[in-house]
Structures are given as C-alpha cells and as structure tokens.
Protein backbone atom coordinates (compact mmCIF):
# COMPACT_ATOMS: atom_id res chain seq x y z
CA MET A 1 -64.01 16.87 21.75
CA SER A 2 -60.55 16.81 20.94
CA ALA A 3 -59.41 17.58 17.26
CA SER A 4 -56.36 15.17 16.13
CA ARG A 5 -53.71 17.22 14.37
CA GLU A 6 -52.26 15.50 11.24
CA THR A 7 -48.27 16.03 10.76
CA THR A 8 -46.90 15.51 7.49
CA GLU A 9 -43.38 13.53 7.63
CA THR A 10 -40.42 14.80 5.54
CA PRO A 11 -37.49 12.37 4.65
CA ALA A 12 -35.36 14.60 7.04
CA ASP A 13 -37.60 13.16 9.79
CA ARG A 14 -37.17 9.46 9.13
CA PRO A 15 -34.46 7.79 11.23
CA PRO A 16 -31.41 6.35 8.79
CA ASP A 17 -31.99 3.12 7.23
CA PRO A 18 -29.10 1.24 8.51
CA THR A 19 -28.69 -0.97 5.92
CA ALA A 20 -28.68 1.85 3.26
CA ALA A 21 -26.51 3.57 5.39
CA ALA A 22 -23.70 0.35 5.58
CA VAL A 23 -23.94 0.36 2.01
CA SER A 24 -23.27 4.13 1.60
CA VAL A 25 -20.33 3.43 3.67
CA ARG A 26 -18.96 0.69 2.16
CA GLU A 27 -19.00 2.37 -1.42
CA ALA A 28 -17.19 5.22 0.03
CA ARG A 29 -14.62 3.18 1.79
CA ARG A 30 -14.49 1.41 -2.22
CA ARG A 31 -13.76 4.85 -3.98
CA LEU A 32 -11.35 5.72 -1.72
CA LEU A 33 -9.31 2.65 -2.02
CA ALA A 34 -9.62 3.05 -5.99
CA SER A 35 -8.50 6.51 -5.98
CA ARG A 36 -5.27 5.09 -4.30
CA GLY A 37 -4.91 2.49 -7.34
CA ALA A 38 -2.43 4.82 -9.27
CA VAL A 39 -0.14 5.29 -6.43
CA ARG A 40 -0.11 1.06 -5.85
CA ALA A 41 0.42 0.91 -9.86
CA ILE A 42 3.22 3.35 -10.07
CA LEU A 43 5.21 1.90 -7.13
CA GLY A 44 4.67 -1.50 -9.11
CA ALA A 45 6.19 -0.65 -12.18
CA VAL A 46 8.82 1.38 -11.01
CA PHE A 47 10.51 -0.76 -9.28
CA PHE A 48 9.50 -4.16 -11.34
CA ILE A 49 11.73 -2.44 -13.68
CA ALA A 50 14.25 -1.25 -11.39
CA PHE A 51 14.58 -5.34 -9.92
CA ALA A 52 14.16 -6.20 -13.33
CA THR A 53 17.34 -4.22 -14.28
CA VAL A 54 19.26 -5.45 -11.25
CA ARG A 55 18.44 -9.32 -11.93
CA ALA A 56 19.91 -8.86 -15.86
CA ALA A 57 23.07 -6.92 -14.59
CA MET A 58 24.21 -9.23 -11.92
CA ALA A 59 24.24 -12.87 -12.68
CA GLN A 60 25.72 -13.64 -9.01
CA LYS A 61 24.77 -12.54 -5.57
CA THR A 62 27.57 -11.08 -5.21
CA GLU A 63 28.22 -8.49 -2.85
CA ALA A 64 27.10 -5.49 -5.13
CA HIS A 65 24.42 -7.69 -5.91
CA MET A 66 23.13 -7.47 -1.96
CA GLN A 67 24.01 -3.61 -1.91
CA ALA A 68 21.62 -3.05 -4.75
CA VAL A 69 18.88 -4.92 -3.59
CA MET A 70 19.37 -3.32 0.03
CA LEU A 71 19.07 0.18 -1.84
CA LEU A 72 16.20 -0.68 -3.91
CA ALA A 73 14.71 -1.83 -0.91
CA VAL A 74 15.57 1.90 1.03
CA ALA A 75 14.07 3.73 -2.41
CA PHE A 76 10.93 1.93 -1.82
CA ILE A 77 10.31 2.79 1.41
CA ALA A 78 11.00 6.41 0.69
CA LEU A 79 8.78 6.55 -2.49
CA ALA A 80 5.58 4.79 -0.89
CA ILE A 81 5.87 7.51 1.67
CA LEU A 82 6.36 10.73 -0.80
CA LEU A 83 4.11 9.46 -4.05
CA PRO A 84 0.99 8.98 -2.11
CA PRO A 85 0.82 13.02 -0.90
CA ALA A 86 2.09 14.00 -4.25
CA VAL A 87 -0.12 12.28 -6.25
CA THR A 88 -3.34 13.71 -3.62
CA ARG A 89 -2.09 17.26 -4.09
CA VAL A 90 -1.80 16.76 -7.83
CA ARG A 91 -5.66 15.71 -8.30
CA GLN A 92 -6.59 18.51 -6.08
CA HIS A 93 -4.65 21.25 -8.49
CA ARG A 94 -6.74 19.56 -11.03
CA GLY A 95 -10.00 19.34 -9.52
CA VAL A 96 -10.56 16.40 -8.43
CA THR A 97 -9.47 14.40 -5.87
CA LEU A 98 -10.94 11.72 -2.49
CA VAL A 99 -9.26 11.25 0.85
CA GLY A 100 -10.43 10.60 3.93
CA GLU A 101 -10.63 12.21 6.78
CA ALA A 102 -7.14 10.54 8.27
CA GLU A 103 -5.20 10.90 4.68
CA GLY A 104 -6.60 14.68 4.31
CA ARG A 105 -4.79 15.52 7.70
CA ALA A 106 -1.96 13.39 6.73
CA VAL A 107 -1.95 15.77 3.10
CA ARG A 108 -1.96 18.58 5.05
CA PHE A 109 0.32 17.57 7.41
CA PHE A 110 3.00 16.63 4.41
CA SER A 111 2.38 19.89 2.95
CA ARG A 112 4.87 21.43 5.63
CA SER A 113 8.40 22.40 4.73
CA GLY A 114 10.61 19.15 5.58
CA VAL A 115 7.85 16.78 6.81
CA VAL A 116 8.61 14.84 3.98
CA ALA A 117 12.10 15.00 3.63
CA VAL A 118 11.84 13.73 7.71
CA LEU A 119 9.49 10.74 7.39
CA ALA A 120 11.42 9.49 3.97
CA LEU A 121 14.83 9.80 6.02
CA ALA A 122 12.86 7.77 9.42
CA GLY A 123 11.62 5.40 7.25
CA VAL A 124 14.91 4.43 5.32
CA GLY A 125 16.59 4.81 8.73
CA ALA A 126 14.27 1.99 10.34
CA ALA A 127 15.12 -0.04 7.13
CA VAL A 128 19.18 0.55 8.60
CA LEU A 129 18.36 -0.21 12.05
CA VAL A 130 17.15 -3.66 11.30
CA ALA A 131 20.11 -4.12 9.18
CA LEU A 132 22.52 -2.75 11.61
CA VAL A 133 20.50 -5.50 14.56
CA ILE A 134 21.32 -8.29 11.53
CA VAL A 135 25.36 -7.49 11.46
CA ASP A 136 25.72 -6.31 15.62
CA LEU A 137 23.94 -10.04 15.97
CA ASP A 138 26.70 -11.93 13.92
CA ARG A 139 29.34 -9.64 15.93
CA ARG A 140 28.40 -10.83 18.81
CA GLY A 141 28.80 -14.52 17.53
CA VAL A 142 25.29 -15.41 17.36
CA SER A 143 25.20 -18.63 14.72
CA ALA A 144 24.37 -18.25 11.33
CA GLU A 145 21.52 -20.64 11.92
CA GLY A 146 20.25 -18.31 15.02
CA ILE A 147 20.33 -15.05 12.72
CA ASP A 148 18.32 -17.49 9.52
CA ARG A 149 15.90 -18.19 12.15
CA LEU A 150 14.98 -15.03 13.10
CA ASP A 151 14.81 -13.93 9.78
CA THR A 152 12.28 -16.41 9.07
CA ILE A 153 10.03 -15.48 12.06
CA VAL A 154 10.23 -11.74 11.09
CA ALA A 155 9.34 -12.82 7.43
CA LEU A 156 6.30 -15.09 8.40
CA VAL A 157 4.93 -12.63 11.09
CA CYS A 158 5.17 -9.57 8.81
CA THR A 159 3.74 -11.78 5.51
CA ALA A 160 0.87 -13.03 7.84
CA ALA A 161 0.02 -9.44 9.17
CA LEU A 162 0.46 -7.91 5.67
CA VAL A 163 -1.83 -10.65 3.81
CA ALA A 164 -4.63 -9.97 7.11
CA VAL A 165 -4.75 -6.48 6.22
CA TYR A 166 -5.26 -6.78 2.72
CA VAL A 167 -8.04 -9.48 2.75
CA ALA A 168 -9.50 -7.44 5.92
CA ARG A 169 -9.85 -4.24 3.57
CA SER A 170 -10.90 -6.53 0.50
CA VAL A 171 -13.83 -8.10 2.45
CA ARG A 172 -14.73 -4.17 3.70
CA THR A 173 -14.54 -2.83 0.80
CA GLY A 174 -15.81 -6.11 -1.73
CA THR A 175 -12.94 -5.76 -4.07
CA TRP A 176 -11.02 -8.56 -5.40
CA GLU A 177 -8.07 -5.99 -6.42
CA ASP A 178 -6.82 -6.37 -2.49
CA VAL A 179 -7.27 -10.44 -2.61
CA LEU A 180 -4.75 -10.00 -5.64
CA MET A 181 -2.20 -7.88 -3.93
CA ALA A 182 -2.75 -10.52 -0.79
CA VAL A 183 -1.77 -13.82 -2.80
CA GLY A 184 1.26 -11.73 -4.33
CA VAL A 185 2.74 -10.90 -0.89
CA GLY A 186 1.93 -13.80 0.65
CA LEU A 187 3.90 -15.40 -2.37
CA ALA A 188 6.59 -13.51 -1.94
CA GLY A 189 6.89 -13.35 1.70
CA LEU A 190 6.52 -17.34 1.87
CA LEU A 191 9.21 -17.53 -0.78
CA PHE A 192 11.69 -15.19 1.17
CA ALA A 193 11.20 -16.73 4.63
CA LEU A 194 11.93 -20.48 3.68
CA LEU A 195 13.57 -20.32 0.19
CA ARG A 196 15.78 -17.14 0.18
CA ASP A 197 19.37 -19.56 0.14
CA ARG A 198 17.81 -20.50 -3.34
CA VAL A 199 15.59 -17.98 -4.56
CA ARG A 200 16.98 -14.58 -6.07
CA LEU A 201 15.82 -11.29 -3.60
CA GLU A 202 14.85 -9.65 -6.96
CA ILE A 203 12.56 -12.13 -8.58
CA ILE A 204 10.32 -12.80 -5.23
CA ALA A 205 10.43 -8.52 -4.73
CA MET A 206 9.34 -9.06 -8.71
CA ILE A 207 6.10 -11.06 -7.50
CA VAL A 208 4.89 -8.43 -5.29
CA ALA A 209 5.74 -5.25 -8.01
CA HIS A 210 3.48 -7.58 -10.03
CA ALA A 211 0.84 -7.77 -7.73
CA ALA A 212 0.62 -4.20 -7.11
CA PHE A 213 0.98 -2.98 -10.39
CA ALA A 214 -2.19 -5.69 -11.82
CA SER A 215 -4.29 -4.35 -8.60
CA GLY A 216 -3.16 -0.96 -8.73
CA LEU A 217 -4.20 -0.95 -12.51
CA ALA A 218 -7.09 -2.44 -12.22
CA LEU A 219 -8.25 -0.11 -8.85
CA HIS A 220 -6.98 3.15 -11.15
CA PHE A 221 -9.49 1.62 -13.46
CA ARG A 222 -12.58 1.67 -11.37
CA TRP A 223 -11.70 5.18 -10.37
CA ARG A 224 -11.70 6.12 -13.83
CA VAL A 225 -15.41 4.60 -13.85
CA TYR A 226 -16.19 6.43 -11.08
CA LEU A 227 -15.15 9.86 -12.60
CA GLY A 228 -17.11 9.08 -15.69
CA ARG A 229 -20.22 9.19 -13.71
CA ALA A 230 -19.56 12.19 -11.50
CA PRO A 231 -21.20 15.32 -12.77
CA LYS A 232 -19.87 16.69 -15.71
CA GLU A 233 -18.84 20.09 -13.86
CA VAL A 234 -16.33 18.08 -12.59
CA THR A 235 -13.09 17.41 -15.02
CA PRO A 236 -10.33 15.27 -14.18
C-alpha cells in the first residue's frame, strides 16, 4: 500500500494567465505612452506659436517666408531629437520616470558627450539633403509638374505611414490620444499633398501642432493620474 503525498501549490508554481499577462503588457505600454505626453505637448505648443507668428508677420508667400518655414521645420527636427532625453533625465533627477528598454538604452546613449548634437545635426542634414535634391532636379531641367508629382507622392506615402503608426499604437495601447494625433497628421498631410499651392504651409503645420498639443496634454493628464496612484513614498 503506497502512501500518496500531498503537495501544496504556491502562486509561483502556477503557469501565468495569458489574459492577465496581456492586460499587464497593454497597461505598461499605455503608461509608457502617457509618460511621453509632456514632450508631445511642449513640441505642439512651441511650434504652434512659432508658425502662428510667421503667419501673422508674413502675409505673402515671399522668399523670406519660405526660408522661415524651412528654418522652423529644421528646428522642429532638432527639438524632437533633443527634448525626449532631456525630459527623461529631468524626471530621473526628480525620482519619477518610466522608459521602455529601447528608450532607456537611447537615454544612456544620449548621455554621452556630443552624441545629442551629432544626432540633431544628422536630422537637420537629412532635411537639407531633401531640399538639395529638389533644387538639383530643378537644375537638371526636370519640369515643375514632375517635381510637384514627386512631392505629392512622397507626402502621401509619409502621411499614410505616420497615420498607420499612430492608429496601430492606439489599438495596441487602447488610447484615444493617438487617434487624435493620426487625424491631425492625416489632415495636414492631405492638405500639403493636394492643396499646398492654395494653403499656406504654416497653417498646415499648425494643424499638426494643434493635434500634438491636445493629445500630448491629454496623455500628460493620464500620466499624472498614474503618479497619483503610485505609493506615497514616490513623489514627482
């Protein structure tokens, strides 16, 4: 007669619940996205004011107007590269931060001397390269219609890609803020692709700035709610 052994199962011995794990992963992604809301809101506010100033100061599409718009586009690229690691490092000093694995590696990488400046210059260089390509096509005798068609195709492809990214992330995280951003990007992209000769560029840019500020501010409020639920020992 064999005696049977009774074993007590502990929670650690149980296999993870796939549904609970999926919910936890989605919540982590949502919180990570919410932690970036301040960056998006700042970018939106700064460039809304900048493009609105250009719109008010220059009534006609002059050469100075086009140069100002291009400089603002270059400044946007540089600030979009510099601001996220700066905000993350400030939050680290204050004791509250939330970054993904890839973003954490990026922040450590950006902490190295000179890296941020090099990356910002690379982004600016890419924008200048696109402008030079367009100028070169014009010098080679490519018709204005041909350049215009190229601009339209590039604008539509980039717009579709960005909208797809925002919609996919909204579905993955269950946040409506990225849907708002997708609408702003989609509307601005279509206006630029199809009506850029009739709509001033800074107005198109301000549409994206509106969407960025509104969605970023909403994400930041979501982040503040998460902080409010954190243990009292952790202070923002």
